[in-house]
Amino acid sequence: MVGVTRKIIAEATGVKSMSKMPPLIEFFGPEVLQVVDQSPSPRFLGTHLHPDNIPASFYAKKTKMLVVFRNPKDTLVSYYHFSNNSNNPVLPSGQSWESFYTNFLSGDVPWGSYFDHALAWEKKMDDPNVMIVTYEELKKDLSEGIRQISKFFGYSLTEAQVQQISEGSTFSAMKEGSVNSHGGMGNVIFRKGEVGDWKNHFTPEQSKEMDEVFNKRLAGTRLGAKLNYQLYCQ
């Protein structure tokens, strides 16, 4: 999603970001704040923060927030592999699948519970400055996702621009160019990109347990419906 958004901004404004990754606001230090403050608009930032922990100024200034969710089973698998392979000191590494699964389900992982995040963003779905998309929607029809995201940010792209961005933003295309876009992290970030890879990891008991948690926490919510859990996780 980072690559897609960067391409949309570049096509719409002519401003190309020199950064391989957008600064994550949870890791901001004085030097990063200075760079951000001096950067021309539009400023492109990223975060994994719970919406209640995002700086109040973002809401006061009506900052546009694009929120990407992935179904919880594939999210767990992706998070597991990223934690064990990224060599990021913030993330736990060397955990067994069973241990990571248990911690994820209880919310005992960096940035907290997936389900708490989902319920918090659910409350903001009527905010015109918040747009929630799912990884699965983008995989199914990336071009339409690009059109909707561009409109959300107030950009008007030609159909040729939409198709150009779409062709350069498929998982295979971004994985192929990941050395240039993400350096040594390329192979870690772009692992498989498949929907349903959870089936290669979950035991039947684990799958059933997460089904029960989803039904208890998110079933019946608008975001729960948007995640299309029955299609992608059962």
Protein backbone atom coordinates (compact mmCIF):
# COMPACT_ATOMS: atom_id res chain seq x y z
CA MET A 1 0.00 0.00 0.00
CA VAL A 2 2.93 2.31 0.65
CA GLY A 3 4.12 1.89 -2.91
CA VAL A 4 0.65 2.44 -4.35
CA THR A 5 0.08 5.63 -2.36
CA ARG A 6 3.52 6.97 -3.24
CA LYS A 7 2.85 6.37 -6.94
CA ILE A 8 -0.56 8.09 -6.73
CA ILE A 9 0.99 11.18 -5.11
CA ALA A 10 3.82 11.25 -7.64
CA GLU A 11 1.48 10.98 -10.62
CA ALA A 12 -1.00 13.53 -9.27
CA THR A 13 1.45 16.14 -8.01
CA GLY A 14 4.73 15.48 -9.77
CA VAL A 15 6.41 15.28 -6.34
CA LYS A 16 8.46 12.09 -5.96
CA SER A 17 9.54 10.92 -2.51
CA MET A 18 13.22 10.15 -2.11
CA SER A 19 12.54 7.99 0.94
CA LYS A 20 12.29 4.22 0.47
CA MET A 21 9.79 4.03 3.32
CA PRO A 22 7.56 6.74 4.80
CA PRO A 23 8.63 7.84 8.29
CA LEU A 24 6.68 5.96 10.97
CA ILE A 25 5.39 8.56 13.41
CA GLU A 26 5.82 6.23 16.41
CA PHE A 27 9.58 6.39 15.85
CA PHE A 28 9.83 10.16 15.32
CA GLY A 29 12.81 11.88 16.89
CA PRO A 30 13.80 15.57 16.70
CA GLU A 31 15.72 15.08 13.45
CA VAL A 32 12.78 13.39 11.74
CA LEU A 33 10.37 16.07 12.94
CA GLN A 34 12.64 18.71 11.43
CA VAL A 35 12.75 16.94 8.09
CA VAL A 36 8.98 16.48 8.05
CA ASP A 37 8.40 20.12 9.01
CA GLN A 38 10.60 21.29 6.14
CA SER A 39 9.13 18.92 3.59
CA PRO A 40 6.73 20.34 1.00
CA SER A 41 3.10 19.32 0.94
CA PRO A 42 1.80 16.69 0.51
CA ARG A 43 3.58 14.95 3.40
CA PHE A 44 3.37 11.18 3.37
CA LEU A 45 3.66 9.48 6.75
CA GLY A 46 3.00 6.00 8.07
CA THR A 47 2.07 4.43 11.38
CA HIS A 48 0.89 1.25 13.07
CA LEU A 49 -0.50 3.17 16.05
CA HIS A 50 -3.89 2.58 17.61
CA PRO A 51 -6.13 5.44 16.40
CA ASP A 52 -6.51 6.77 19.97
CA ASN A 53 -2.73 7.20 20.13
CA ILE A 54 -2.38 9.14 16.89
CA PRO A 55 -1.54 12.81 17.69
CA ALA A 56 -4.66 14.88 18.27
CA SER A 57 -3.39 17.46 15.78
CA PHE A 58 -3.91 14.95 12.96
CA TYR A 59 -7.63 14.90 13.70
CA ALA A 60 -7.83 18.64 14.40
CA LYS A 61 -6.22 19.45 11.05
CA LYS A 62 -8.38 16.89 9.25
CA THR A 63 -5.42 14.90 8.03
CA LYS A 64 -6.41 12.30 5.46
CA MET A 65 -5.85 8.80 6.86
CA LEU A 66 -5.82 5.74 4.65
CA VAL A 67 -6.17 2.62 6.81
CA VAL A 68 -5.35 -0.82 5.42
CA PHE A 69 -6.64 -4.00 7.04
CA ARG A 70 -5.92 -7.58 6.09
CA ASN A 71 -7.90 -10.58 7.27
CA PRO A 72 -6.67 -11.54 10.76
CA LYS A 73 -5.43 -15.02 9.89
CA ASP A 74 -3.17 -13.86 7.05
CA THR A 75 -2.16 -10.84 9.15
CA LEU A 76 -0.95 -13.19 11.89
CA VAL A 77 1.07 -15.25 9.40
CA SER A 78 2.62 -12.17 7.81
CA TYR A 79 3.45 -10.67 11.20
CA TYR A 80 5.00 -13.93 12.36
CA HIS A 81 7.37 -14.17 9.41
CA PHE A 82 8.20 -10.47 9.47
CA SER A 83 9.05 -10.58 13.18
CA ASN A 84 11.32 -13.58 12.77
CA ASN A 85 13.09 -12.34 9.63
CA SER A 86 13.34 -8.56 9.84
CA ASN A 87 16.04 -8.28 12.55
CA ASN A 88 14.06 -5.36 13.95
CA PRO A 89 14.97 -4.86 17.65
CA VAL A 90 11.44 -3.65 18.37
CA LEU A 91 9.91 -6.94 17.26
CA PRO A 92 10.15 -10.32 18.98
CA SER A 93 12.17 -12.81 16.94
CA GLY A 94 12.89 -16.50 17.16
CA GLN A 95 9.41 -17.32 18.43
CA SER A 96 7.77 -20.60 17.53
CA TRP A 97 4.56 -20.49 15.55
CA GLU A 98 2.59 -21.74 18.55
CA SER A 99 4.01 -19.05 20.83
CA PHE A 100 3.47 -16.23 18.35
CA TYR A 101 -0.06 -17.43 17.61
CA THR A 102 -0.95 -17.35 21.31
CA ASN A 103 0.58 -13.90 21.80
CA PHE A 104 -1.16 -12.47 18.74
CA LEU A 105 -4.54 -13.75 19.81
CA SER A 106 -4.13 -12.27 23.29
CA GLY A 107 -2.82 -8.96 21.89
CA ASP A 108 0.57 -9.45 23.52
CA VAL A 109 2.51 -8.22 20.47
CA PRO A 110 3.98 -4.83 19.52
CA TRP A 111 1.22 -2.32 18.74
CA GLY A 112 -1.32 -4.46 20.55
CA SER A 113 -4.42 -6.40 19.64
CA TYR A 114 -5.58 -6.67 16.04
CA PHE A 115 -9.16 -6.81 17.28
CA ASP A 116 -8.79 -3.72 19.50
CA HIS A 117 -7.41 -1.82 16.50
CA ALA A 118 -10.28 -2.98 14.32
CA LEU A 119 -12.93 -1.96 16.83
CA ALA A 120 -11.30 1.43 17.30
CA TRP A 121 -11.19 2.14 13.55
CA GLU A 122 -14.75 0.85 13.25
CA LYS A 123 -15.81 3.90 15.28
CA LYS A 124 -14.18 6.21 12.73
CA MET A 125 -15.72 4.77 9.57
CA ASP A 126 -18.08 7.76 9.26
CA ASP A 127 -15.18 10.23 9.44
CA PRO A 128 -14.81 11.73 5.91
CA ASN A 129 -11.06 12.00 6.49
CA VAL A 130 -10.68 8.26 7.16
CA MET A 131 -10.77 5.65 4.42
CA ILE A 132 -10.54 1.96 5.23
CA VAL A 133 -9.55 -0.49 2.53
CA THR A 134 -8.69 -4.16 2.74
CA TYR A 135 -5.73 -5.98 1.25
CA GLU A 136 -8.13 -8.50 -0.25
CA GLU A 137 -10.13 -5.79 -2.04
CA LEU A 138 -6.96 -4.41 -3.58
CA LYS A 139 -5.81 -7.86 -4.66
CA LYS A 140 -9.17 -8.45 -6.32
CA ASP A 141 -9.35 -5.14 -8.23
CA LEU A 142 -6.29 -2.95 -7.80
CA SER A 143 -7.29 -0.45 -10.49
CA GLU A 144 -10.59 0.31 -8.77
CA GLY A 145 -8.78 0.64 -5.45
CA ILE A 146 -6.40 3.17 -7.00
CA ARG A 147 -9.34 5.19 -8.35
CA GLN A 148 -11.04 5.28 -4.95
CA ILE A 149 -7.87 6.14 -3.05
CA SER A 150 -7.00 8.92 -5.51
CA LYS A 151 -10.48 10.40 -5.12
CA PHE A 152 -10.20 10.19 -1.32
CA PHE A 153 -6.98 12.23 -1.41
CA GLY A 154 -8.58 14.75 -3.79
CA TYR A 155 -6.57 13.74 -6.85
CA SER A 156 -7.87 13.26 -10.37
CA LEU A 157 -5.94 10.69 -12.39
CA THR A 158 -6.42 9.76 -16.00
CA GLU A 159 -7.30 6.17 -16.78
CA ALA A 160 -3.85 5.79 -18.31
CA GLN A 161 -2.27 6.90 -15.03
CA VAL A 162 -4.47 4.49 -13.08
CA GLN A 163 -3.41 1.58 -15.28
CA GLN A 164 0.26 2.59 -15.12
CA ILE A 165 0.16 2.65 -11.31
CA SER A 166 -1.76 -0.62 -11.21
CA GLU A 167 0.71 -2.44 -13.46
CA GLY A 168 3.62 -1.24 -11.35
CA SER A 169 1.93 -2.06 -8.04
CA THR A 170 1.07 -5.73 -8.36
CA PHE A 171 2.76 -7.87 -5.73
CA SER A 172 5.01 -9.55 -8.31
CA ALA A 173 6.06 -6.19 -9.80
CA MET A 174 6.83 -4.68 -6.40
CA LYS A 175 8.68 -7.80 -5.24
CA GLU A 176 10.79 -7.69 -8.39
CA GLY A 177 11.76 -4.08 -7.73
CA SER A 178 12.03 -4.44 -3.95
CA VAL A 179 15.83 -4.23 -3.85
CA ASN A 180 15.65 -0.71 -5.27
CA SER A 181 12.57 0.33 -3.30
CA HIS A 182 13.30 -1.29 0.09
CA GLY A 183 16.95 -2.33 0.05
CA GLY A 184 17.80 -5.38 2.13
CA MET A 185 14.27 -5.47 3.59
CA GLY A 186 12.74 -6.19 0.19
CA ASN A 187 12.56 -9.97 0.51
CA VAL A 188 11.24 -9.68 4.07
CA ILE A 189 8.44 -7.26 3.24
CA PHE A 190 7.49 -8.92 -0.03
CA ARG A 191 7.31 -12.56 1.04
CA LYS A 192 4.31 -14.21 -0.63
CA GLY A 193 1.45 -11.72 -0.77
CA GLU A 194 -1.09 -14.52 -1.08
CA VAL A 195 -4.60 -14.50 0.29
CA GLY A 196 -5.19 -17.70 2.27
CA ASP A 197 -1.59 -18.56 3.17
CA TRP A 198 -2.89 -19.03 6.73
CA LYS A 199 -4.08 -22.48 5.67
CA ASN A 200 -0.42 -23.54 5.50
CA HIS A 201 0.15 -22.55 9.15
CA PHE A 202 -3.01 -22.86 11.27
CA THR A 203 -4.01 -26.13 12.88
CA PRO A 204 -7.77 -26.87 12.74
CA GLU A 205 -7.95 -26.06 16.46
CA GLN A 206 -6.21 -22.70 16.00
CA SER A 207 -8.46 -21.82 13.09
CA LYS A 208 -11.56 -22.60 15.13
CA GLU A 209 -10.25 -20.59 18.07
CA MET A 210 -9.70 -17.49 15.94
CA ASP A 211 -13.15 -17.95 14.38
CA GLU A 212 -14.61 -17.79 17.87
CA VAL A 213 -12.64 -14.64 18.73
CA PHE A 214 -13.70 -12.96 15.49
CA ASN A 215 -17.34 -13.85 16.06
CA LYS A 216 -17.16 -12.48 19.59
CA ARG A 217 -15.31 -9.26 18.75
CA LEU A 218 -16.06 -8.22 15.16
CA ALA A 219 -19.02 -10.17 13.80
CA GLY A 220 -21.92 -7.83 13.15
CA THR A 221 -19.74 -4.72 12.77
CA ARG A 222 -19.30 -2.81 9.51
CA LEU A 223 -15.57 -3.42 9.48
CA GLY A 224 -16.17 -7.08 10.23
CA ALA A 225 -18.41 -7.27 7.17
CA LYS A 226 -15.81 -5.43 5.07
CA LEU A 227 -13.19 -8.02 6.04
CA ASN A 228 -15.41 -10.72 4.51
CA TYR A 229 -14.21 -13.20 7.10
CA GLN A 230 -16.37 -16.08 5.93
CA LEU A 231 -14.85 -15.93 2.44
CA TYR A 232 -11.21 -15.41 3.37
CA CYS A 233 -10.86 -17.16 6.75
CA GLN A 234 -13.10 -20.21 6.66
